[in-house]
């Protein structure tokens, strides 16, 4: 018997089931898998930009935003199923979580936020909701407006890592643009304000696990990081300083206003239980709230290096490649089993879904995850800042040139939105939607074409 209710399976635009033996969440998963927006992630940055030359002699293709999403989906599906979630529902959320990402990943996101200043800014999570509910062509409401993929309420809710509007942003993070508040209010009907559902929390941790572990693997394969270097205490301290600065500073209190969704279904569980070093009230925002100093991170780093599965070298040989794969699978298991064990200890063996529980991740594993992210940040992002600055400049120039030439510079579906907009902010949002839809390679090509056309004019 399903623990999900009819309202969880509701769609914004009602539609009949096509096959009796197919669940609503299976249909959701299929719609995301077949979407053009998901396919475009194949050419969007994860660690390295797609199209960059692979390291000489390397047969290990580096990850893209699409392969990251697929791996996140596998991690989330298994973790969710072990806790009683519908696995298709969690997988749909994981496949969807980055579907709104612009070219060049988080670097492009920062640049596009500058471009979008005149229409309220840009945030990748809010853009994902916009893609799912508006921009990806699939279904229409009776009034003729697009409802995007027309996913179920539970699927959209599970894909919302930050379920609050832009006006209540926490450290710049939010999941709902002003234009999309009405749709989001339908999604969040009956939900506690400012709190992510259980499936979204599973997706969020699966995302952290997948990218912290796999970005480290790719950085090692690409030659950005050396195992021997990580054994140096001075180098470990620099990594932990980066991790502390970027990932362990904490956040302010959760937004209180929300969208007027009401009290909704309450959580069941011990009050003030520690979740990653904070109380449930802080953890339910979905923003990483763990706070730690450099010394504590160094301790967790040292413990990881002492594990028998941590390799001492990587040279591209069959044996060291296998050792590296064993490292990634062992770390994923370490992080997921810890979350499953702690959550089960709090809530027992019953199925955990929607707002009946919160995912509990031990502080040690949250800090270890932060350390892994710190390694990649220190050795890849910071050390490659010159290239990242060029990428940001390209996005901002692309924004200027596309806006100046719009609607002629836009694809038909975005041109339609531009021409239908009632004000400058709406027209700029259509330009931003267009740029966000581009891949790394198509953004470079569009920029080159616009520059060439201007110079030849």
Protein backbone atom coordinates (compact mmCIF):
# COMPACT_ATOMS: atom_id res chain seq x y z
CA UNK A 1 0.00 0.00 0.00
CA UNK A 2 1.39 3.42 -1.01
CA UNK A 3 2.21 5.92 1.72
CA UNK A 4 1.66 8.75 -0.78
CA UNK A 5 -1.78 10.35 -1.08
CA UNK A 6 -3.78 11.66 -4.02
CA UNK A 7 -2.63 15.25 -3.53
CA UNK A 8 1.00 14.11 -3.82
CA UNK A 9 0.19 12.64 -7.25
CA UNK A 10 -1.81 15.67 -8.44
CA UNK A 11 -0.65 17.63 -11.50
CA UNK A 12 -1.14 21.33 -12.14
CA UNK A 13 -2.96 20.53 -15.38
CA UNK A 14 -5.02 17.36 -14.70
CA UNK A 15 -4.46 14.56 -17.17
CA UNK A 16 -5.61 10.93 -17.34
CA UNK A 17 -3.13 8.08 -16.79
CA UNK A 18 -1.96 6.44 -20.00
CA UNK A 19 -1.32 2.99 -18.55
CA UNK A 20 -2.78 1.44 -15.42
CA UNK A 21 0.42 -0.42 -14.53
CA UNK A 22 2.54 2.74 -14.56
CA UNK A 23 2.74 4.94 -11.47
CA UNK A 24 2.55 8.72 -11.50
CA UNK A 25 6.14 8.96 -10.31
CA UNK A 26 7.36 6.60 -13.03
CA UNK A 27 5.80 9.00 -15.54
CA UNK A 28 7.57 11.91 -13.85
CA UNK A 29 10.93 10.16 -14.10
CA UNK A 30 10.38 9.37 -17.79
CA UNK A 31 9.45 12.96 -18.59
CA UNK A 32 12.62 14.33 -17.06
CA UNK A 33 14.79 11.65 -18.68
CA UNK A 34 13.37 12.46 -22.13
CA UNK A 35 13.61 16.24 -21.73
CA UNK A 36 15.87 18.38 -23.89
CA UNK A 37 16.88 20.37 -20.80
CA UNK A 38 18.39 17.24 -19.24
CA UNK A 39 20.22 16.34 -22.47
CA UNK A 40 21.77 19.80 -22.60
CA UNK A 41 23.52 19.10 -19.31
CA UNK A 42 25.81 16.77 -21.29
CA UNK A 43 27.61 19.88 -22.53
CA UNK A 44 27.65 21.90 -19.32
CA UNK A 45 30.51 22.14 -16.83
CA UNK A 46 30.94 19.91 -13.81
CA UNK A 47 34.70 20.12 -13.04
CA UNK A 48 36.09 20.72 -16.54
CA UNK A 49 34.19 22.39 -19.34
CA UNK A 50 33.00 19.86 -21.97
CA UNK A 51 35.18 20.21 -25.04
CA UNK A 52 38.35 20.81 -23.09
CA UNK A 53 41.09 18.37 -24.15
CA UNK A 54 41.37 15.28 -21.98
CA UNK A 55 44.68 14.65 -20.20
CA UNK A 56 47.16 12.96 -22.52
CA UNK A 57 46.70 9.20 -22.62
CA UNK A 58 43.62 9.36 -20.40
CA UNK A 59 40.73 7.03 -21.22
CA UNK A 60 38.63 8.21 -18.27
CA UNK A 61 36.18 10.74 -19.69
CA UNK A 62 35.62 13.55 -17.20
CA UNK A 63 32.13 14.15 -15.87
CA UNK A 64 29.65 16.68 -17.18
CA UNK A 65 26.65 18.15 -15.40
CA UNK A 66 24.57 15.34 -16.97
CA UNK A 67 26.73 12.46 -15.74
CA UNK A 68 26.78 14.09 -12.31
CA UNK A 69 22.97 14.20 -12.35
CA UNK A 70 22.79 10.53 -13.35
CA UNK A 71 25.18 9.54 -10.55
CA UNK A 72 23.32 11.70 -8.06
CA UNK A 73 20.12 9.92 -9.15
CA UNK A 74 21.64 6.50 -8.53
CA UNK A 75 22.87 7.49 -5.06
CA UNK A 76 19.58 9.18 -4.16
CA UNK A 77 17.40 6.38 -5.50
CA UNK A 78 19.14 3.74 -3.34
CA UNK A 79 19.30 5.91 -0.23
CA UNK A 80 15.66 6.96 -0.62
CA UNK A 81 14.47 3.40 -1.15
CA UNK A 82 16.33 2.22 1.96
CA UNK A 83 14.41 4.81 3.98
CA UNK A 84 10.98 4.07 2.51
CA UNK A 85 10.69 6.77 -0.16
CA UNK A 86 9.31 6.00 -3.58
CA UNK A 87 12.56 5.42 -5.54
CA UNK A 88 11.20 6.90 -8.79
CA UNK A 89 10.19 10.04 -6.95
CA UNK A 90 13.65 10.55 -5.44
CA UNK A 91 15.35 9.72 -8.73
CA UNK A 92 13.20 12.30 -10.52
CA UNK A 93 14.24 14.94 -8.00
CA UNK A 94 17.91 14.04 -8.40
CA UNK A 95 17.72 14.10 -12.20
CA UNK A 96 16.01 17.51 -12.00
CA UNK A 97 18.14 19.22 -9.37
CA UNK A 98 20.61 20.84 -11.81
CA UNK A 99 18.36 21.07 -14.86
CA UNK A 100 18.34 24.86 -14.69
CA UNK A 101 22.11 25.27 -14.52
CA UNK A 102 23.58 27.76 -17.01
CA UNK A 103 26.79 27.38 -19.05
CA UNK A 104 30.01 27.02 -17.00
CA UNK A 105 28.24 25.74 -13.88
CA UNK A 106 28.29 27.82 -10.71
CA UNK A 107 30.78 30.19 -12.32
CA UNK A 108 28.28 31.00 -15.07
CA UNK A 109 25.56 31.25 -12.44
CA UNK A 110 27.43 34.09 -10.72
CA UNK A 111 27.87 35.95 -14.01
CA UNK A 112 24.28 35.47 -15.09
CA UNK A 113 23.11 36.84 -11.74
CA UNK A 114 24.84 40.10 -12.72
CA UNK A 115 23.24 40.04 -16.18
CA UNK A 116 19.83 39.45 -14.58
CA UNK A 117 20.07 42.30 -12.07
CA UNK A 118 17.35 44.21 -13.93
CA UNK A 119 14.82 41.37 -13.56
CA UNK A 120 15.61 40.27 -10.01
CA UNK A 121 18.74 38.15 -10.48
CA UNK A 122 19.52 34.55 -11.35
CA UNK A 123 19.70 31.45 -9.14
CA UNK A 124 20.25 27.96 -10.53
CA UNK A 125 17.77 26.27 -8.19
CA UNK A 126 15.02 28.76 -9.01
CA UNK A 127 15.83 28.30 -12.70
CA UNK A 128 15.40 24.54 -12.32
CA UNK A 129 11.87 25.07 -11.02
CA UNK A 130 11.22 27.45 -13.90
CA UNK A 131 12.41 24.86 -16.43
CA UNK A 132 10.25 22.12 -14.92
CA UNK A 133 7.11 24.23 -14.61
CA UNK A 134 7.32 26.64 -17.54
CA UNK A 135 10.20 26.45 -20.03
CA UNK A 136 10.48 22.78 -21.02
CA UNK A 137 7.76 22.25 -23.69
CA UNK A 138 5.40 19.39 -22.85
CA UNK A 139 2.00 20.35 -21.40
CA UNK A 140 -0.38 23.32 -21.27
CA UNK A 141 -3.08 24.40 -18.86
CA UNK A 142 -6.66 24.97 -20.06
CA UNK A 143 -5.94 28.71 -20.30
CA UNK A 144 -3.14 28.03 -22.81
CA UNK A 145 -0.23 28.74 -20.46
CA UNK A 146 2.71 26.35 -20.34
CA UNK A 147 3.00 24.09 -17.30
CA UNK A 148 6.32 22.68 -18.45
CA UNK A 149 6.64 18.94 -17.84
CA UNK A 150 3.50 18.99 -15.65
CA UNK A 151 5.14 16.85 -12.99
CA UNK A 152 3.29 15.77 -9.87
CA UNK A 153 3.17 17.98 -6.80
CA UNK A 154 5.42 15.57 -4.88
CA UNK A 155 8.03 15.45 -7.67
CA UNK A 156 8.26 19.23 -7.93
CA UNK A 157 8.41 19.56 -4.15
CA UNK A 158 11.16 16.93 -3.99
CA UNK A 159 13.18 18.88 -6.56
CA UNK A 160 13.05 22.09 -4.47
CA UNK A 161 16.21 22.29 -2.40
CA UNK A 162 15.39 25.82 -1.24
CA UNK A 163 11.58 25.99 -1.04
CA UNK A 164 11.22 29.69 -0.40
CA UNK A 165 10.91 32.78 -2.61
CA UNK A 166 13.61 35.20 -3.63
CA UNK A 167 12.37 37.75 -1.09
CA UNK A 168 13.37 35.33 1.72
CA UNK A 169 16.77 34.36 0.30
CA UNK A 170 19.23 32.80 2.77
CA UNK A 171 22.84 33.68 1.97
CA UNK A 172 21.69 34.44 -1.57
CA UNK A 173 20.02 31.04 -1.94
CA UNK A 174 16.37 30.67 -2.91
CA UNK A 175 14.33 28.41 -5.12
CA UNK A 176 11.45 30.53 -6.44
CA UNK A 177 11.48 33.60 -8.69
CA UNK A 178 8.67 36.17 -8.18
CA UNK A 179 7.18 35.12 -11.55
CA UNK A 180 6.86 31.54 -10.33
CA UNK A 181 5.42 32.10 -6.85
CA UNK A 182 1.87 31.19 -7.88
CA UNK A 183 2.92 27.81 -9.28
CA UNK A 184 5.21 27.20 -6.29
CA UNK A 185 2.35 27.99 -3.92
CA UNK A 186 0.38 25.17 -5.56
CA UNK A 187 3.37 22.83 -5.21
CA UNK A 188 3.83 23.73 -1.54
CA UNK A 189 0.15 23.56 -0.60
CA UNK A 190 -0.04 22.20 2.95
CA UNK A 191 3.75 22.13 3.42
CA UNK A 192 5.49 23.68 6.45
CA UNK A 193 6.95 27.04 5.43
CA UNK A 194 10.65 27.08 4.69
CA UNK A 195 11.08 23.33 5.14
CA UNK A 196 12.19 20.93 2.40
CA UNK A 197 10.33 17.64 2.18
CA UNK A 198 12.11 14.41 3.13
CA UNK A 199 12.69 13.38 -0.49
CA UNK A 200 14.28 16.77 -1.21
CA UNK A 201 16.59 16.29 1.77
CA UNK A 202 17.61 12.88 0.40
CA UNK A 203 18.23 14.49 -3.01
CA UNK A 204 20.28 17.26 -1.38
CA UNK A 205 22.55 14.82 0.47
CA UNK A 206 22.86 12.60 -2.62
CA UNK A 207 23.96 15.69 -4.56
CA UNK A 208 26.57 16.57 -1.94
CA UNK A 209 27.85 13.00 -1.82
CA UNK A 210 28.01 12.56 -5.59
CA UNK A 211 29.74 15.80 -6.42
CA UNK A 212 32.17 15.86 -3.48
CA UNK A 213 33.37 12.33 -4.25
CA UNK A 214 33.26 12.37 -8.05
CA UNK A 215 34.71 15.88 -8.47
CA UNK A 216 37.66 14.69 -6.40
CA UNK A 217 38.03 11.65 -8.66
CA UNK A 218 37.95 13.79 -11.81
CA UNK A 219 40.45 16.27 -10.39
CA UNK A 220 42.85 13.40 -9.62
CA UNK A 221 42.39 11.86 -13.08
CA UNK A 222 42.92 15.25 -14.76
CA UNK A 223 46.14 15.78 -12.84
CA UNK A 224 44.97 18.78 -10.82
CA UNK A 225 45.57 16.92 -7.54
CA UNK A 226 48.23 14.44 -6.44
CA UNK A 227 47.75 11.94 -3.62
CA UNK A 228 51.27 12.58 -2.39
CA UNK A 229 50.51 16.27 -2.04
CA UNK A 230 47.50 15.53 0.15
CA UNK A 231 49.78 13.65 2.54
CA UNK A 232 51.64 16.88 3.33
CA UNK A 233 50.28 18.40 6.60
CA UNK A 234 50.87 21.94 5.35
CA UNK A 235 48.88 21.25 2.21
CA UNK A 236 46.09 19.63 4.20
CA UNK A 237 45.85 22.75 6.32
CA UNK A 238 45.46 24.95 3.24
CA UNK A 239 42.69 22.67 1.98
CA UNK A 240 40.92 22.77 5.33
CA UNK A 241 41.18 26.57 5.43
CA UNK A 242 39.43 26.66 2.06
CA UNK A 243 36.78 24.19 3.24
CA UNK A 244 36.16 26.17 6.42
CA UNK A 245 35.75 29.41 4.49
CA UNK A 246 33.48 28.05 1.76
CA UNK A 247 31.47 25.29 3.41
CA UNK A 248 31.58 25.55 7.20
CA UNK A 249 30.57 29.09 8.07
CA UNK A 250 26.93 28.35 8.91
CA UNK A 251 23.82 30.33 7.94
CA UNK A 252 21.30 32.63 9.63
CA UNK A 253 17.87 31.48 10.78
CA UNK A 254 15.36 30.01 8.35
CA UNK A 255 12.98 32.38 6.56
CA UNK A 256 9.74 32.85 8.49
CA UNK A 257 7.44 34.49 5.98
CA UNK A 258 7.35 31.95 3.15
CA UNK A 259 4.40 31.91 0.74
CA UNK A 260 1.56 31.39 3.15
CA UNK A 261 1.52 27.63 2.71
CA UNK A 262 0.23 26.95 6.24
CA UNK A 263 1.38 24.57 8.88
CA UNK A 264 0.85 21.49 6.73
CA UNK A 265 1.92 18.00 7.69
CA UNK A 266 4.11 18.11 10.78
CA UNK A 267 7.34 16.19 11.24
CA UNK A 268 7.54 13.31 13.63
CA UNK A 269 10.71 12.93 15.63
CA UNK A 270 12.75 14.10 18.58
CA UNK A 271 12.81 17.85 19.10
CA UNK A 272 16.15 19.64 18.67
CA UNK A 273 17.84 16.49 17.42
CA UNK A 274 21.30 17.31 16.08
CA UNK A 275 21.46 17.15 12.29
CA UNK A 276 24.94 17.80 11.01
CA UNK A 277 25.81 19.79 14.10
CA UNK A 278 22.66 21.94 14.25
CA UNK A 279 19.07 21.52 15.33
CA UNK A 280 16.33 20.31 13.01
CA UNK A 281 14.95 23.83 12.82
CA UNK A 282 18.11 25.00 11.10
CA UNK A 283 18.71 21.88 9.03
CA UNK A 284 15.27 21.88 7.45
CA UNK A 285 16.16 24.81 5.23
CA UNK A 286 18.29 22.60 2.99
CA UNK A 287 21.21 25.05 3.30
CA UNK A 288 24.37 23.41 4.58
CA UNK A 289 24.54 24.78 8.14
CA UNK A 290 27.54 22.87 9.48
CA UNK A 291 30.00 25.10 11.35
CA UNK A 292 33.57 23.97 12.02
CA UNK A 293 37.04 25.38 12.49
CA UNK A 294 40.17 24.38 10.60
CA UNK A 295 41.46 22.11 13.38
CA UNK A 296 38.31 19.98 13.38
CA UNK A 297 38.40 19.68 9.60
CA UNK A 298 42.05 18.65 9.72
CA UNK A 299 41.10 15.91 12.16
CA UNK A 300 38.43 14.59 9.79
CA UNK A 301 40.87 14.82 6.86
CA UNK A 302 43.48 12.82 8.76
CA UNK A 303 40.90 10.15 9.60
CA UNK A 304 39.97 9.82 5.91
CA UNK A 305 43.60 9.44 4.86
CA UNK A 306 44.01 6.66 7.44
CA UNK A 307 41.27 4.54 5.88
CA UNK A 308 42.64 1.40 4.18
CA UNK A 309 40.86 2.24 0.93
CA UNK A 310 42.57 5.65 0.57
CA UNK A 311 45.23 5.22 -2.18
CA UNK A 312 48.74 6.61 -1.87
CA UNK A 313 49.21 7.27 -5.59
CA UNK A 314 47.54 7.49 -8.98
CA UNK A 315 49.40 7.01 -12.26
CA UNK A 316 46.67 5.97 -14.70
CA UNK A 317 47.54 2.29 -14.55
CA UNK A 318 44.86 -0.39 -14.32
CA UNK A 319 45.62 -1.08 -10.68
CA UNK A 320 45.58 2.57 -9.55
CA UNK A 321 42.42 3.22 -11.57
CA UNK A 322 40.76 0.35 -9.75
CA UNK A 323 42.00 1.70 -6.42
CA UNK A 324 40.54 5.11 -7.27
CA UNK A 325 37.16 3.55 -8.12
CA UNK A 326 37.26 1.65 -4.85
CA UNK A 327 37.88 4.94 -3.04
CA UNK A 328 34.82 6.59 -4.61
CA UNK A 329 32.50 3.65 -3.94
CA UNK A 330 33.76 3.34 -0.35
CA UNK A 331 33.22 7.04 0.35
CA UNK A 332 29.71 6.98 -1.12
CA UNK A 333 28.87 3.99 1.03
CA UNK A 334 30.37 5.67 4.09
CA UNK A 335 28.28 8.81 3.64
CA UNK A 336 25.00 7.10 2.74
CA UNK A 337 25.12 4.34 5.36
CA UNK A 338 25.86 6.93 8.05
CA UNK A 339 22.78 8.96 7.05
CA UNK A 340 20.58 5.88 6.86
CA UNK A 341 21.75 4.61 10.26
CA UNK A 342 21.23 7.92 12.07
CA UNK A 343 17.86 8.57 10.47
CA UNK A 344 16.61 5.08 11.29
CA UNK A 345 17.83 5.45 14.87
CA UNK A 346 15.60 8.51 15.22
CA UNK A 347 12.49 7.36 13.37
CA UNK A 348 12.49 3.58 13.38
CA UNK A 349 11.79 1.19 10.53
CA UNK A 350 8.61 2.74 9.12
CA UNK A 351 8.58 4.32 5.63
CA UNK A 352 9.83 7.91 5.79
CA UNK A 353 8.24 10.24 3.25
CA UNK A 354 7.19 13.84 2.62
CA UNK A 355 7.00 15.63 6.01
CA UNK A 356 7.05 12.62 8.35
CA UNK A 357 10.79 12.91 9.07
CA UNK A 358 14.02 14.79 8.45
CA UNK A 359 17.15 13.20 7.06
CA UNK A 360 19.84 13.05 9.75
CA UNK A 361 23.47 13.08 8.65
CA UNK A 362 26.14 12.72 11.35
CA UNK A 363 28.37 15.71 11.86
CA UNK A 364 31.50 13.67 11.07
CA UNK A 365 30.27 12.79 7.59
CA UNK A 366 29.12 16.34 6.85
CA UNK A 367 32.61 17.58 7.72
CA UNK A 368 34.27 14.85 5.67
CA UNK A 369 32.10 15.84 2.73
CA UNK A 370 33.15 19.47 3.23
CA UNK A 371 36.81 18.41 3.24
CA UNK A 372 36.42 16.62 -0.10
CA UNK A 373 34.74 19.68 -1.60
CA UNK A 374 37.54 21.80 -0.15
CA UNK A 375 40.16 19.71 -1.94
CA UNK A 376 38.57 20.35 -5.33
CA UNK A 377 37.87 24.01 -4.58
CA UNK A 378 41.46 24.64 -3.50
CA UNK A 379 43.18 22.75 -6.33
CA UNK A 380 40.79 23.38 -9.22
CA UNK A 381 38.53 26.40 -8.79
CA UNK A 382 40.94 28.74 -7.03
CA UNK A 383 43.99 27.75 -9.06
CA UNK A 384 42.09 28.17 -12.35
CA UNK A 385 40.60 31.57 -11.59
CA UNK A 386 42.00 33.21 -14.74
CA UNK A 387 40.00 30.88 -16.99
CA UNK A 388 36.96 31.21 -14.76
CA UNK A 389 37.15 35.00 -15.04
CA UNK A 390 37.15 34.70 -18.85
CA UNK A 391 34.04 32.54 -18.67
CA UNK A 392 32.23 35.10 -16.52
CA UNK A 393 33.22 37.88 -18.89
CA UNK A 394 31.87 35.88 -21.84
CA UNK A 395 28.49 35.36 -20.15
CA UNK A 396 28.17 39.06 -19.29
CA UNK A 397 29.14 40.15 -22.80
CA UNK A 398 26.70 37.60 -24.22
CA UNK A 399 23.97 39.09 -22.04
CA UNK A 400 24.67 42.61 -23.29
CA UNK A 401 24.77 41.63 -26.95
CA UNK A 402 21.73 39.32 -26.87
CA UNK A 403 19.66 41.93 -25.05
CA UNK A 404 20.71 44.65 -27.50
CA UNK A 405 19.72 42.52 -30.49
CA UNK A 406 16.60 40.90 -29.06
CA UNK A 407 14.24 39.51 -30.14
CA UNK A 408 16.27 38.65 -33.25
CA UNK A 409 19.08 37.11 -31.20
CA UNK A 410 16.73 34.70 -29.42
CA UNK A 411 15.48 31.22 -30.28
CA UNK A 412 11.77 31.08 -31.23
CA UNK A 413 10.40 29.98 -27.82
CA UNK A 414 12.32 32.72 -26.02
CA UNK A 415 11.51 35.26 -28.72
CA UNK A 416 7.84 34.53 -28.11
CA UNK A 417 8.27 35.22 -24.37
CA UNK A 418 10.25 38.40 -25.11
CA UNK A 419 7.54 39.79 -27.38
CA UNK A 420 4.77 38.86 -24.93
CA UNK A 421 6.49 40.56 -21.97
CA UNK A 422 4.79 43.67 -20.64
CA UNK A 423 7.89 45.43 -19.30
CA UNK A 424 11.67 45.61 -19.54
CA UNK A 425 12.14 43.17 -16.66
CA UNK A 426 10.05 40.55 -18.44
CA UNK A 427 11.98 41.05 -21.66
CA UNK A 428 15.29 40.73 -19.83
CA UNK A 429 14.06 37.55 -18.13
CA UNK A 430 13.45 36.03 -21.58
CA UNK A 431 17.05 36.86 -22.52
CA UNK A 432 18.31 35.32 -19.28
CA UNK A 433 16.23 32.18 -19.88
CA UNK A 434 17.79 31.91 -23.33
CA UNK A 435 21.36 32.21 -22.02
CA UNK A 436 20.70 29.76 -19.19
CA UNK A 437 19.50 27.20 -21.74
CA UNK A 438 22.79 27.29 -23.64
CA UNK A 439 25.56 24.74 -23.22
CA UNK A 440 29.18 25.73 -22.68
CA UNK A 441 29.96 25.18 -26.34
CA UNK A 442 26.85 26.91 -27.69
CA UNK A 443 27.46 29.90 -25.41
CA UNK A 444 30.97 30.27 -26.86
CA UNK A 445 29.60 29.88 -30.40
CA UNK A 446 26.80 32.43 -29.84
CA UNK A 447 29.25 34.89 -28.34
CA UNK A 448 31.65 34.45 -31.25
CA UNK A 449 28.86 34.95 -33.79
CA UNK A 450 27.51 38.08 -32.11
CA UNK A 451 30.99 39.60 -31.83
CA UNK A 452 31.69 38.76 -35.49
CA UNK A 453 28.40 40.25 -36.66
CA UNK A 454 29.03 43.46 -34.74
CA UNK A 455 32.57 43.81 -36.11
CA UNK A 456 31.43 43.23 -39.68
CA UNK A 457 28.52 45.67 -39.41
